[in-house]
Amino acid sequence: MFRYSTLSGLRNAVVPSTSDLLDIARGLPKWDAVILVADGTQYPRAELTWQHGHGFVLQCFEDGQSWGFFLAEPGELSEPEIEVEMGGQALEKWPRQLFVGRELAREALESFLVDGRQKPALRWVRTDGGFPRHIVWDERGGREAWEKQKRESGGT
């Protein structure tokens, strides 16, 4: 049995339907995530976020040795184009295929909640180098320079 928490404070709640989980993720602030773990353990684990205008990001860790895998839409990965803030520590751009639609996210979650494993029929991309990414900034100085440039250019 799985439980879920959010970064913003909900802890160890009973997992509702996958549709409800997706709705919960959509309702969270953009920096927040739904974190699913097997009851009483740290793994298997999944993290679900909603990126407004782009889709869901689902990352799964089947065990403690896993670097994690992202669910991805079928097809070749595009160049990094969608900005993802990494908990205030960095800003990266990722390929659009890592942002999946509701039905694909639901299918992957339903399977994961049954056995704690990634559904083999779906496409999974390794977190550690399995996709092209572009680091926009990754430290305070880089963030401040990026923010200043955005202000000076009118926010574009």
Protein backbone atom coordinates (compact mmCIF):
# COMPACT_ATOMS: atom_id res chain seq x y z
CA MET A 1 0.00 0.00 0.00
CA PHE A 2 1.25 3.47 -0.85
CA ARG A 3 0.95 6.75 1.04
CA TYR A 4 1.47 10.25 -0.27
CA SER A 5 2.79 13.54 1.03
CA THR A 6 3.41 16.98 -0.41
CA LEU A 7 6.35 19.29 0.08
CA SER A 8 3.97 21.94 1.42
CA GLY A 9 2.95 19.90 4.41
CA LEU A 10 0.46 17.09 3.84
CA ARG A 11 2.03 13.96 5.32
CA ASN A 12 1.42 10.24 4.98
CA ALA A 13 -2.10 10.42 3.52
CA VAL A 14 -3.93 7.44 2.05
CA VAL A 15 -3.60 7.48 -1.72
CA PRO A 16 -6.89 8.36 -3.42
CA SER A 17 -7.70 7.39 -7.01
CA THR A 18 -5.10 8.21 -9.64
CA SER A 19 -7.46 10.82 -11.10
CA ASP A 20 -7.63 12.50 -7.70
CA LEU A 21 -3.81 12.37 -7.39
CA LEU A 22 -3.49 14.13 -10.73
CA ASP A 23 -5.99 16.77 -9.60
CA ILE A 24 -4.06 17.26 -6.35
CA ALA A 25 -0.81 17.75 -8.29
CA ARG A 26 -2.50 20.30 -10.57
CA GLY A 27 -3.71 22.26 -7.55
CA LEU A 28 -0.33 22.55 -5.85
CA PRO A 29 1.98 25.58 -6.12
CA LYS A 30 4.47 25.22 -8.98
CA TRP A 31 7.33 24.40 -6.58
CA ASP A 32 5.41 21.62 -4.81
CA ALA A 33 5.14 17.90 -5.56
CA VAL A 34 3.10 14.83 -4.70
CA ILE A 35 5.47 12.24 -3.24
CA LEU A 36 4.33 8.61 -3.19
CA VAL A 37 6.09 5.96 -1.11
CA ALA A 38 5.31 2.41 -0.13
CA ASP A 39 3.85 2.36 3.38
CA GLY A 40 6.58 2.18 6.01
CA THR A 41 9.54 2.39 3.59
CA GLN A 42 11.36 4.91 1.42
CA TYR A 43 11.14 2.85 -1.79
CA PRO A 44 9.57 2.34 -4.20
CA ARG A 45 8.97 6.05 -4.59
CA ALA A 46 7.43 8.36 -7.19
CA GLU A 47 7.25 12.13 -7.46
CA LEU A 48 4.54 13.87 -9.45
CA THR A 49 4.45 17.54 -10.40
CA TRP A 50 2.31 19.70 -12.66
CA GLN A 51 3.99 22.19 -14.96
CA HIS A 52 1.28 24.65 -16.01
CA GLY A 53 0.89 24.77 -19.76
CA HIS A 54 3.16 21.76 -20.31
CA GLY A 55 1.89 18.70 -18.44
CA PHE A 56 2.78 16.29 -15.67
CA VAL A 57 6.29 15.21 -14.72
CA LEU A 58 6.48 11.75 -13.14
CA GLN A 59 9.74 10.45 -11.75
CA CYS A 60 9.98 6.92 -10.33
CA PHE A 61 12.54 5.17 -8.15
CA GLU A 62 11.95 1.44 -7.87
CA ASP A 63 14.56 0.97 -5.13
CA GLY A 64 17.27 2.80 -3.20
CA GLN A 65 19.91 2.13 -5.87
CA SER A 66 17.88 3.73 -8.66
CA TRP A 67 18.92 7.12 -10.03
CA GLY A 68 15.31 7.49 -11.09
CA PHE A 69 13.49 7.51 -14.38
CA PHE A 70 11.13 10.06 -15.91
CA LEU A 71 8.03 9.05 -17.78
CA ALA A 72 8.25 10.37 -21.34
CA GLU A 73 5.99 10.74 -24.33
CA PRO A 74 6.87 8.44 -27.25
CA GLY A 75 9.21 9.72 -29.94
CA GLU A 76 12.62 11.26 -30.17
CA LEU A 77 13.54 13.72 -27.43
CA SER A 78 13.63 17.31 -28.59
CA GLU A 79 16.20 19.89 -27.62
CA PRO A 80 15.72 21.31 -24.11
CA GLU A 81 13.07 24.03 -24.29
CA ILE A 82 10.85 24.01 -21.17
CA GLU A 83 12.14 25.69 -18.01
CA VAL A 84 12.04 23.70 -14.78
CA GLU A 85 13.06 25.26 -11.47
CA MET A 86 14.88 22.77 -9.28
CA GLY A 87 13.70 23.72 -5.81
CA GLY A 88 15.26 27.18 -6.00
CA GLN A 89 18.71 25.63 -6.47
CA ALA A 90 18.87 25.70 -10.27
CA LEU A 91 16.88 26.45 -13.39
CA GLU A 92 17.12 23.99 -16.24
CA LYS A 93 15.50 23.47 -19.62
CA TRP A 94 14.21 20.00 -20.48
CA PRO A 95 12.79 18.35 -23.62
CA ARG A 96 9.02 18.73 -23.97
CA GLN A 97 8.53 14.94 -24.08
CA LEU A 98 9.20 14.75 -20.30
CA PHE A 99 5.94 16.66 -19.72
CA VAL A 100 3.18 14.14 -20.27
CA GLY A 101 -0.58 14.32 -20.68
CA ARG A 102 -3.13 13.27 -18.09
CA GLU A 103 -3.92 9.85 -19.59
CA LEU A 104 -0.30 8.77 -19.88
CA ALA A 105 0.40 9.96 -16.32
CA ARG A 106 -2.69 8.11 -15.07
CA GLU A 107 -1.66 4.87 -16.82
CA ALA A 108 1.86 5.02 -15.37
CA LEU A 109 0.63 5.87 -11.86
CA GLU A 110 -1.96 3.10 -11.83
CA SER A 111 0.68 0.53 -12.72
CA PHE A 112 3.22 1.93 -10.24
CA LEU A 113 0.71 1.86 -7.38
CA VAL A 114 0.01 -1.84 -8.02
CA ASP A 115 3.57 -3.18 -7.85
CA GLY A 116 5.97 -0.27 -7.26
CA ARG A 117 7.53 -0.68 -10.68
CA GLN A 118 7.61 1.33 -13.87
CA LYS A 119 5.26 -0.05 -16.49
CA PRO A 120 7.62 -1.63 -19.05
CA ALA A 121 5.37 -0.84 -22.02
CA LEU A 122 5.81 2.90 -21.38
CA ARG A 123 8.82 5.02 -22.18
CA TRP A 124 11.12 5.85 -19.25
CA VAL A 125 14.20 8.10 -19.45
CA ARG A 126 17.05 7.92 -16.96
CA THR A 127 17.47 10.95 -14.73
CA ASP A 128 21.27 10.80 -14.79
CA GLY A 129 22.09 11.75 -18.35
CA GLY A 130 19.27 10.02 -20.19
CA PHE A 131 18.06 13.25 -21.79
CA PRO A 132 19.49 16.53 -23.04
CA ARG A 133 19.22 19.36 -20.53
CA HIS A 134 20.42 22.91 -20.42
CA ILE A 135 21.37 24.60 -17.15
CA VAL A 136 20.17 28.21 -17.19
CA TRP A 137 21.60 28.93 -13.72
CA ASP A 138 22.73 26.77 -10.83
CA GLU A 139 23.86 29.03 -8.03
CA ARG A 140 22.83 32.28 -6.39
CA GLY A 141 25.08 34.45 -8.56
CA GLY A 142 23.78 32.79 -11.71
CA ARG A 143 20.21 33.25 -10.58
CA GLU A 144 20.73 36.94 -9.78
CA ALA A 145 22.37 37.57 -13.16
CA TRP A 146 19.52 35.73 -14.93
CA GLU A 147 16.86 37.69 -13.01
CA LYS A 148 18.62 41.00 -13.77
CA GLN A 149 18.80 40.15 -17.45
CA LYS A 150 15.08 39.23 -17.48
CA ARG A 151 14.17 42.57 -15.85
CA GLU A 152 16.33 44.57 -18.25
CA SER A 153 14.89 42.79 -21.28
CA GLY A 154 11.31 43.32 -20.16
CA GLY A 155 10.78 39.80 -18.83
CA THR A 156 11.17 37.90 -22.08
